[in-house]
């Protein structure tokens, strides 16, 4: 019984990792279209990054105004 339980857990782990990998690849290759809410959030983030370049996480060494 214990061996069956271990085999079941191993199989579940393998299938979970495989499903995650396939889903990640699918989202990367075929991204969903940008919604108006997504666009508003992205534009607001760009405004904040422009207003506060010193805390820009994408460019940690950015010059301050």
PDB file of N, CA and C in Angstrom:
ATOM      1  N   UNK A   1       0.822  -1.198   0.000  1.00  0.00           N
ATOM      2  CA  UNK A   1       0.000   0.000   0.000  1.00  0.00           C
ATOM      3  C   UNK A   1       0.865   1.260   0.000  1.00  0.00           C
ATOM      4  N   UNK A   2       1.945   1.246   0.750  1.00  0.00           N
ATOM      5  CA  UNK A   2       2.807   2.405   0.831  1.00  0.00           C
ATOM      6  C   UNK A   2       3.479   2.694  -0.512  1.00  0.00           C
ATOM      7  N   UNK A   3       3.864   1.632  -1.238  1.00  0.00           N
ATOM      8  CA  UNK A   3       4.486   1.827  -2.540  1.00  0.00           C
ATOM      9  C   UNK A   3       3.507   2.432  -3.535  1.00  0.00           C
ATOM     10  N   UNK A   4       2.257   2.018  -3.477  1.00  0.00           N
ATOM     11  CA  UNK A   4       1.249   2.580  -4.370  1.00  0.00           C
ATOM     12  C   UNK A   4       1.033   4.058  -4.087  1.00  0.00           C
ATOM     13  N   UNK A   5       1.060   4.429  -2.818  1.00  0.00           N
ATOM     14  CA  UNK A   5       0.879   5.829  -2.446  1.00  0.00           C
ATOM     15  C   UNK A   5       2.044   6.666  -2.984  1.00  0.00           C
ATOM     16  N   UNK A   6       3.263   6.170  -2.859  1.00  0.00           N
ATOM     17  CA  UNK A   6       4.421   6.899  -3.372  1.00  0.00           C
ATOM     18  C   UNK A   6       4.379   7.021  -4.885  1.00  0.00           C
ATOM     19  N   UNK A   7       3.984   5.938  -5.542  1.00  0.00           N
ATOM     20  CA  UNK A   7       3.877   5.965  -6.988  1.00  0.00           C
ATOM     21  C   UNK A   7       2.808   6.956  -7.434  1.00  0.00           C
ATOM     22  N   UNK A   8       1.700   6.979  -6.721  1.00  0.00           N
ATOM     23  CA  UNK A   8       0.629   7.927  -7.043  1.00  0.00           C
ATOM     24  C   UNK A   8       1.105   9.367  -6.868  1.00  0.00           C
ATOM     25  N   UNK A   9       1.797   9.652  -5.769  1.00  0.00           N
ATOM     26  CA  UNK A   9       2.313  11.009  -5.536  1.00  0.00           C
ATOM     27  C   UNK A   9       3.321  11.399  -6.598  1.00  0.00           C
ATOM     28  N   UNK A  10       4.179  10.463  -6.978  1.00  0.00           N
ATOM     29  CA  UNK A  10       5.157  10.741  -8.032  1.00  0.00           C
ATOM     30  C   UNK A  10       4.454  11.035  -9.351  1.00  0.00           C
ATOM     31  N   UNK A  11       3.465  10.229  -9.684  1.00  0.00           N
ATOM     32  CA  UNK A  11       2.737  10.432 -10.928  1.00  0.00           C
ATOM     33  C   UNK A  11       2.015  11.784 -10.928  1.00  0.00           C
ATOM     34  N   UNK A  12       1.406  12.159  -9.820  1.00  0.00           N
ATOM     35  CA  UNK A  12       0.728  13.452  -9.719  1.00  0.00           C
ATOM     36  C   UNK A  12       1.710  14.601  -9.876  1.00  0.00           C
ATOM     37  N   UNK A  13       2.881  14.475  -9.289  1.00  0.00           N
ATOM     38  CA  UNK A  13       3.901  15.514  -9.416  1.00  0.00           C
ATOM     39  C   UNK A  13       4.352  15.661 -10.861  1.00  0.00           C
ATOM     40  N   UNK A  14       4.595  14.545 -11.525  1.00  0.00           N
ATOM     41  CA  UNK A  14       5.042  14.587 -12.919  1.00  0.00           C
ATOM     42  C   UNK A  14       3.968  15.213 -13.808  1.00  0.00           C
ATOM     43  N   UNK A  15       2.713  14.810 -13.641  1.00  0.00           N
ATOM     44  CA  UNK A  15       1.649  15.371 -14.481  1.00  0.00           C
ATOM     45  C   UNK A  15       1.407  16.844 -14.181  1.00  0.00           C
ATOM     46  N   UNK A  16       1.543  17.267 -12.927  1.00  0.00           N
ATOM     47  CA  UNK A  16       1.394  18.687 -12.595  1.00  0.00           C
ATOM     48  C   UNK A  16       2.486  19.512 -13.261  1.00  0.00           C
ATOM     49  N   UNK A  17       3.733  19.041 -13.195  1.00  0.00           N
ATOM     50  CA  UNK A  17       4.838  19.771 -13.827  1.00  0.00           C
ATOM     51  C   UNK A  17       4.654  19.836 -15.337  1.00  0.00           C
ATOM     52  N   UNK A  18       4.209  18.745 -15.946  1.00  0.00           N
ATOM     53  CA  UNK A  18       4.004  18.713 -17.384  1.00  0.00           C
ATOM     54  C   UNK A  18       2.900  19.692 -17.780  1.00  0.00           C
ATOM     55  N   UNK A  19       1.789  19.683 -17.043  1.00  0.00           N
ATOM     56  CA  UNK A  19       0.675  20.577 -17.354  1.00  0.00           C
ATOM     57  C   UNK A  19       1.094  22.034 -17.198  1.00  0.00           C
ATOM     58  N   UNK A  20       1.864  22.340 -16.164  1.00  0.00           N
ATOM     59  CA  UNK A  20       2.333  23.708 -15.963  1.00  0.00           C
ATOM     60  C   UNK A  20       3.234  24.138 -17.116  1.00  0.00           C
ATOM     61  N   UNK A  21       4.113  23.243 -17.550  1.00  0.00           N
ATOM     62  CA  UNK A  21       5.008  23.562 -18.653  1.00  0.00           C
ATOM     63  C   UNK A  21       4.263  23.798 -19.949  1.00  0.00           C
ATOM     64  N   UNK A  22       3.279  22.965 -20.240  1.00  0.00           N
ATOM     65  CA  UNK A  22       2.494  23.128 -21.465  1.00  0.00           C
ATOM     66  C   UNK A  22       1.698  24.432 -21.417  1.00  0.00           C
ATOM     67  N   UNK A  23       1.080  24.724 -20.284  1.00  0.00           N
ATOM     68  CA  UNK A  23       0.301  25.958 -20.153  1.00  0.00           C
ATOM     69  C   UNK A  23       1.194  27.185 -20.271  1.00  0.00           C
ATOM     70  N   UNK A  24       2.385  27.144 -19.674  1.00  0.00           N
ATOM     71  CA  UNK A  24       3.305  28.271 -19.768  1.00  0.00           C
ATOM     72  C   UNK A  24       3.747  28.502 -21.207  1.00  0.00           C
ATOM     73  N   UNK A  25       4.056  27.424 -21.893  1.00  0.00           N
ATOM     74  CA  UNK A  25       4.472  27.525 -23.289  1.00  0.00           C
ATOM     75  C   UNK A  25       3.335  28.060 -24.141  1.00  0.00           C
ATOM     76  N   UNK A  26       2.127  27.596 -23.907  1.00  0.00           N
ATOM     77  CA  UNK A  26       0.975  28.050 -24.676  1.00  0.00           C
ATOM     78  C   UNK A  26       0.734  29.555 -24.475  1.00  0.00           C
ATOM     79  N   UNK A  27       0.809  30.015 -23.244  1.00  0.00           N
ATOM     80  CA  UNK A  27       0.599  31.440 -22.966  1.00  0.00           C
ATOM     81  C   UNK A  27       1.711  32.275 -23.583  1.00  0.00           C
ATOM     82  N   UNK A  28       2.937  31.757 -23.594  1.00  0.00           N
ATOM     83  CA  UNK A  28       4.064  32.486 -24.169  1.00  0.00           C
ATOM     84  C   UNK A  28       3.947  32.576 -25.687  1.00  0.00           C
ATOM     85  N   UNK A  29       3.513  31.494 -26.325  1.00  0.00           N
ATOM     86  CA  UNK A  29       3.412  31.474 -27.783  1.00  0.00           C
ATOM     87  C   UNK A  29       2.146  32.159 -28.295  1.00  0.00           C
ATOM     88  N   UNK A  30       1.069  32.065 -27.563  1.00  0.00           N
ATOM     89  CA  UNK A  30      -0.225  32.632 -27.983  1.00  0.00           C
ATOM     90  C   UNK A  30      -0.793  33.490 -26.861  1.00  0.00           C
ATOM     91  N   UNK A  31      -0.228  34.674 -26.622  1.00  0.00           N
ATOM     92  CA  UNK A  31      -0.722  35.487 -25.505  1.00  0.00           C
ATOM     93  C   UNK A  31      -2.135  36.001 -25.787  1.00  0.00           C
ATOM     94  N   UNK A  32      -2.926  36.178 -24.742  1.00  0.00           N
ATOM     95  CA  UNK A  32      -4.271  36.711 -24.936  1.00  0.00           C
ATOM     96  C   UNK A  32      -4.194  38.177 -25.341  1.00  0.00           C
ATOM     97  N   UNK A  33      -5.186  38.685 -26.048  1.00  0.00           N
ATOM     98  CA  UNK A  33      -5.156  40.087 -26.451  1.00  0.00           C
ATOM     99  C   UNK A  33      -5.243  41.014 -25.243  1.00  0.00           C
ATOM    100  N   UNK A  34      -4.665  42.194 -25.384  1.00  0.00           N
ATOM    101  CA  UNK A  34      -4.660  43.167 -24.294  1.00  0.00           C
ATOM    102  C   UNK A  34      -6.047  43.780 -24.147  1.00  0.00           C
ATOM    103  N   UNK A  35      -6.565  43.777 -22.934  1.00  0.00           N
ATOM    104  CA  UNK A  35      -7.876  44.365 -22.663  1.00  0.00           C
ATOM    105  C   UNK A  35      -7.692  45.839 -22.311  1.00  0.00           C
ATOM    106  N   UNK A  36      -8.771  46.622 -22.327  1.00  0.00           N
ATOM    107  CA  UNK A  36      -8.657  48.032 -21.937  1.00  0.00           C
ATOM    108  C   UNK A  36      -8.122  48.204 -20.507  1.00  0.00           C
ATOM    109  N   UNK A  37      -8.479  47.299 -19.613  1.00  0.00           N
ATOM    110  CA  UNK A  37      -7.985  47.377 -18.235  1.00  0.00           C
ATOM    111  C   UNK A  37      -6.478  47.113 -18.214  1.00  0.00           C
ATOM    112  N   UNK A  38      -6.032  46.110 -18.957  1.00  0.00           N
ATOM    113  CA  UNK A  38      -4.592  45.825 -19.040  1.00  0.00           C
ATOM    114  C   UNK A  38      -3.832  47.023 -19.582  1.00  0.00           C
ATOM    115  N   UNK A  39      -4.377  47.646 -20.612  1.00  0.00           N
ATOM    116  CA  UNK A  39      -3.715  48.805 -21.217  1.00  0.00           C
ATOM    117  C   UNK A  39      -3.630  49.963 -20.225  1.00  0.00           C
ATOM    118  N   UNK A  40      -4.719  50.219 -19.486  1.00  0.00           N
ATOM    119  CA  UNK A  40      -4.722  51.304 -18.503  1.00  0.00           C
ATOM    120  C   UNK A  40      -3.692  51.042 -17.410  1.00  0.00           C
ATOM    121  N   UNK A  41      -3.595  49.808 -16.945  1.00  0.00           N
ATOM    122  CA  UNK A  41      -2.617  49.478 -15.903  1.00  0.00           C
ATOM    123  C   UNK A  41      -1.200  49.648 -16.433  1.00  0.00           C
ATOM    124  N   UNK A  42      -0.948  49.186 -17.667  1.00  0.00           N
ATOM    125  CA  UNK A  42       0.387  49.316 -18.254  1.00  0.00           C
ATOM    126  C   UNK A  42       0.763  50.782 -18.436  1.00  0.00           C
ATOM    127  N   UNK A  43      -0.170  51.598 -18.943  1.00  0.00           N
ATOM    128  CA  UNK A  43       0.116  53.021 -19.147  1.00  0.00           C
ATOM    129  C   UNK A  43       0.349  53.739 -17.825  1.00  0.00           C
ATOM    130  N   UNK A  44      -0.427  53.393 -16.798  1.00  0.00           N
ATOM    131  CA  UNK A  44      -0.238  54.022 -15.478  1.00  0.00           C
ATOM    132  C   UNK A  44       1.127  53.647 -14.901  1.00  0.00           C
ATOM    133  N   UNK A  45       1.526  52.402 -15.088  1.00  0.00           N
ATOM    134  CA  UNK A  45       2.846  51.983 -14.641  1.00  0.00           C
ATOM    135  C   UNK A  45       3.958  52.734 -15.351  1.00  0.00           C
ATOM    136  N   UNK A  46       3.776  52.985 -16.649  1.00  0.00           N
ATOM    137  CA  UNK A  46       4.776  53.759 -17.395  1.00  0.00           C
ATOM    138  C   UNK A  46       4.850  55.188 -16.875  1.00  0.00           C
ATOM    139  N   UNK A  47       3.695  55.774 -16.544  1.00  0.00           N
ATOM    140  CA  UNK A  47       3.687  57.130 -15.993  1.00  0.00           C
ATOM    141  C   UNK A  47       4.410  57.185 -14.649  1.00  0.00           C
ATOM    142  N   UNK A  48       4.172  56.193 -13.811  1.00  0.00           N
ATOM    143  CA  UNK A  48       4.824  56.160 -12.496  1.00  0.00           C
ATOM    144  C   UNK A  48       6.327  55.971 -12.654  1.00  0.00           C
ATOM    145  N   UNK A  49       6.746  55.095 -13.578  1.00  0.00           N
ATOM    146  CA  UNK A  49       8.182  54.890 -13.809  1.00  0.00           C
ATOM    147  C   UNK A  49       8.831  56.154 -14.339  1.00  0.00           C
ATOM    148  N   UNK A  50       8.121  56.914 -15.183  1.00  0.00           N
ATOM    149  CA  UNK A  50       8.671  58.175 -15.690  1.00  0.00           C
ATOM    150  C   UNK A  50       8.763  59.230 -14.588  1.00  0.00           C
ATOM    151  N   UNK A  51       7.785  59.255 -13.687  1.00  0.00           N
ATOM    152  CA  UNK A  51       7.762  60.251 -12.622  1.00  0.00           C
ATOM    153  C   UNK A  51       8.801  59.956 -11.540  1.00  0.00           C
ATOM    154  N   UNK A  52       9.090  58.674 -11.303  1.00  0.00           N
ATOM    155  CA  UNK A  52      10.022  58.278 -10.252  1.00  0.00           C
ATOM    156  C   UNK A  52      11.102  57.349 -10.811  1.00  0.00           C
ATOM    157  N   UNK A  53      12.037  57.888 -11.576  1.00  0.00           N
ATOM    158  CA  UNK A  53      13.044  57.016 -12.193  1.00  0.00           C
ATOM    159  C   UNK A  53      13.985  56.369 -11.171  1.00  0.00           C
ATOM    160  N   UNK A  54      14.119  56.957 -10.003  1.00  0.00           N
ATOM    161  CA  UNK A  54      15.048  56.408  -9.010  1.00  0.00           C
ATOM    162  C   UNK A  54      14.540  55.083  -8.436  1.00  0.00           C
ATOM    163  N   UNK A  55      13.237  54.836  -8.487  1.00  0.00           N
ATOM    164  CA  UNK A  55      12.713  53.585  -7.942  1.00  0.00           C
ATOM    165  C   UNK A  55      12.280  52.635  -9.053  1.00  0.00           C
ATOM    166  N   UNK A  56      12.785  52.859 -10.242  1.00  0.00           N
ATOM    167  CA  UNK A  56      12.449  51.991 -11.366  1.00  0.00           C
ATOM    168  C   UNK A  56      13.154  50.654 -11.191  1.00  0.00           C
ATOM    169  N   UNK A  57      12.392  49.596 -10.994  1.00  0.00           N
ATOM    170  CA  UNK A  57      12.956  48.277 -10.764  1.00  0.00           C
ATOM    171  C   UNK A  57      13.555  47.675 -12.023  1.00  0.00           C
ATOM    172  N   UNK A  58      13.128  48.151 -13.197  1.00  0.00           N
ATOM    173  CA  UNK A  58      13.690  47.639 -14.438  1.00  0.00           C
ATOM    174  C   UNK A  58      15.068  48.229 -14.711  1.00  0.00           C
ATOM    175  N   UNK A  59      15.311  49.435 -14.189  1.00  0.00           N
ATOM    176  CA  UNK A  59      16.606  50.109 -14.362  1.00  0.00           C
ATOM    177  C   UNK A  59      17.054  50.631 -13.004  1.00  0.00           C
ATOM    178  N   UNK A  60      17.647  49.772 -12.173  1.00  0.00           N
ATOM    179  CA  UNK A  60      17.977  50.176 -10.799  1.00  0.00           C
ATOM    180  C   UNK A  60      18.971  51.330 -10.715  1.00  0.00           C
ATOM    181  N   UNK A  61      19.819  51.519 -11.706  1.00  0.00           N
ATOM    182  CA  UNK A  61      20.809  52.591 -11.641  1.00  0.00           C
ATOM    183  C   UNK A  61      20.398  53.837 -12.385  1.00  0.00           C
ATOM    184  N   UNK A  62      19.100  54.070 -12.561  1.00  0.00           N
ATOM    185  CA  UNK A  62      18.634  55.218 -13.336  1.00  0.00           C
ATOM    186  C   UNK A  62      19.005  56.520 -12.647  1.00  0.00           C
ATOM    187  N   UNK A  63      19.294  57.538 -13.458  1.00  0.00           N
ATOM    188  CA  UNK A  63      19.649  58.861 -12.921  1.00  0.00           C
ATOM    189  C   UNK A  63      18.422  59.540 -12.344  1.00  0.00           C
ATOM    190  N   UNK A  64      18.623  60.304 -11.288  1.00  0.00           N
ATOM    191  CA  UNK A  64      17.532  61.060 -10.689  1.00  0.00           C
ATOM    192  C   UNK A  64      17.424  62.409 -11.386  1.00  0.00           C
ATOM    193  N   UNK A  65      16.221  62.937 -11.377  1.00  0.00           N
ATOM    194  CA  UNK A  65      15.997  64.255 -11.999  1.00  0.00           C
ATOM    195  C   UNK A  65      16.466  65.352 -11.093  1.00  0.00           C
TER     196      UNK A  65
END
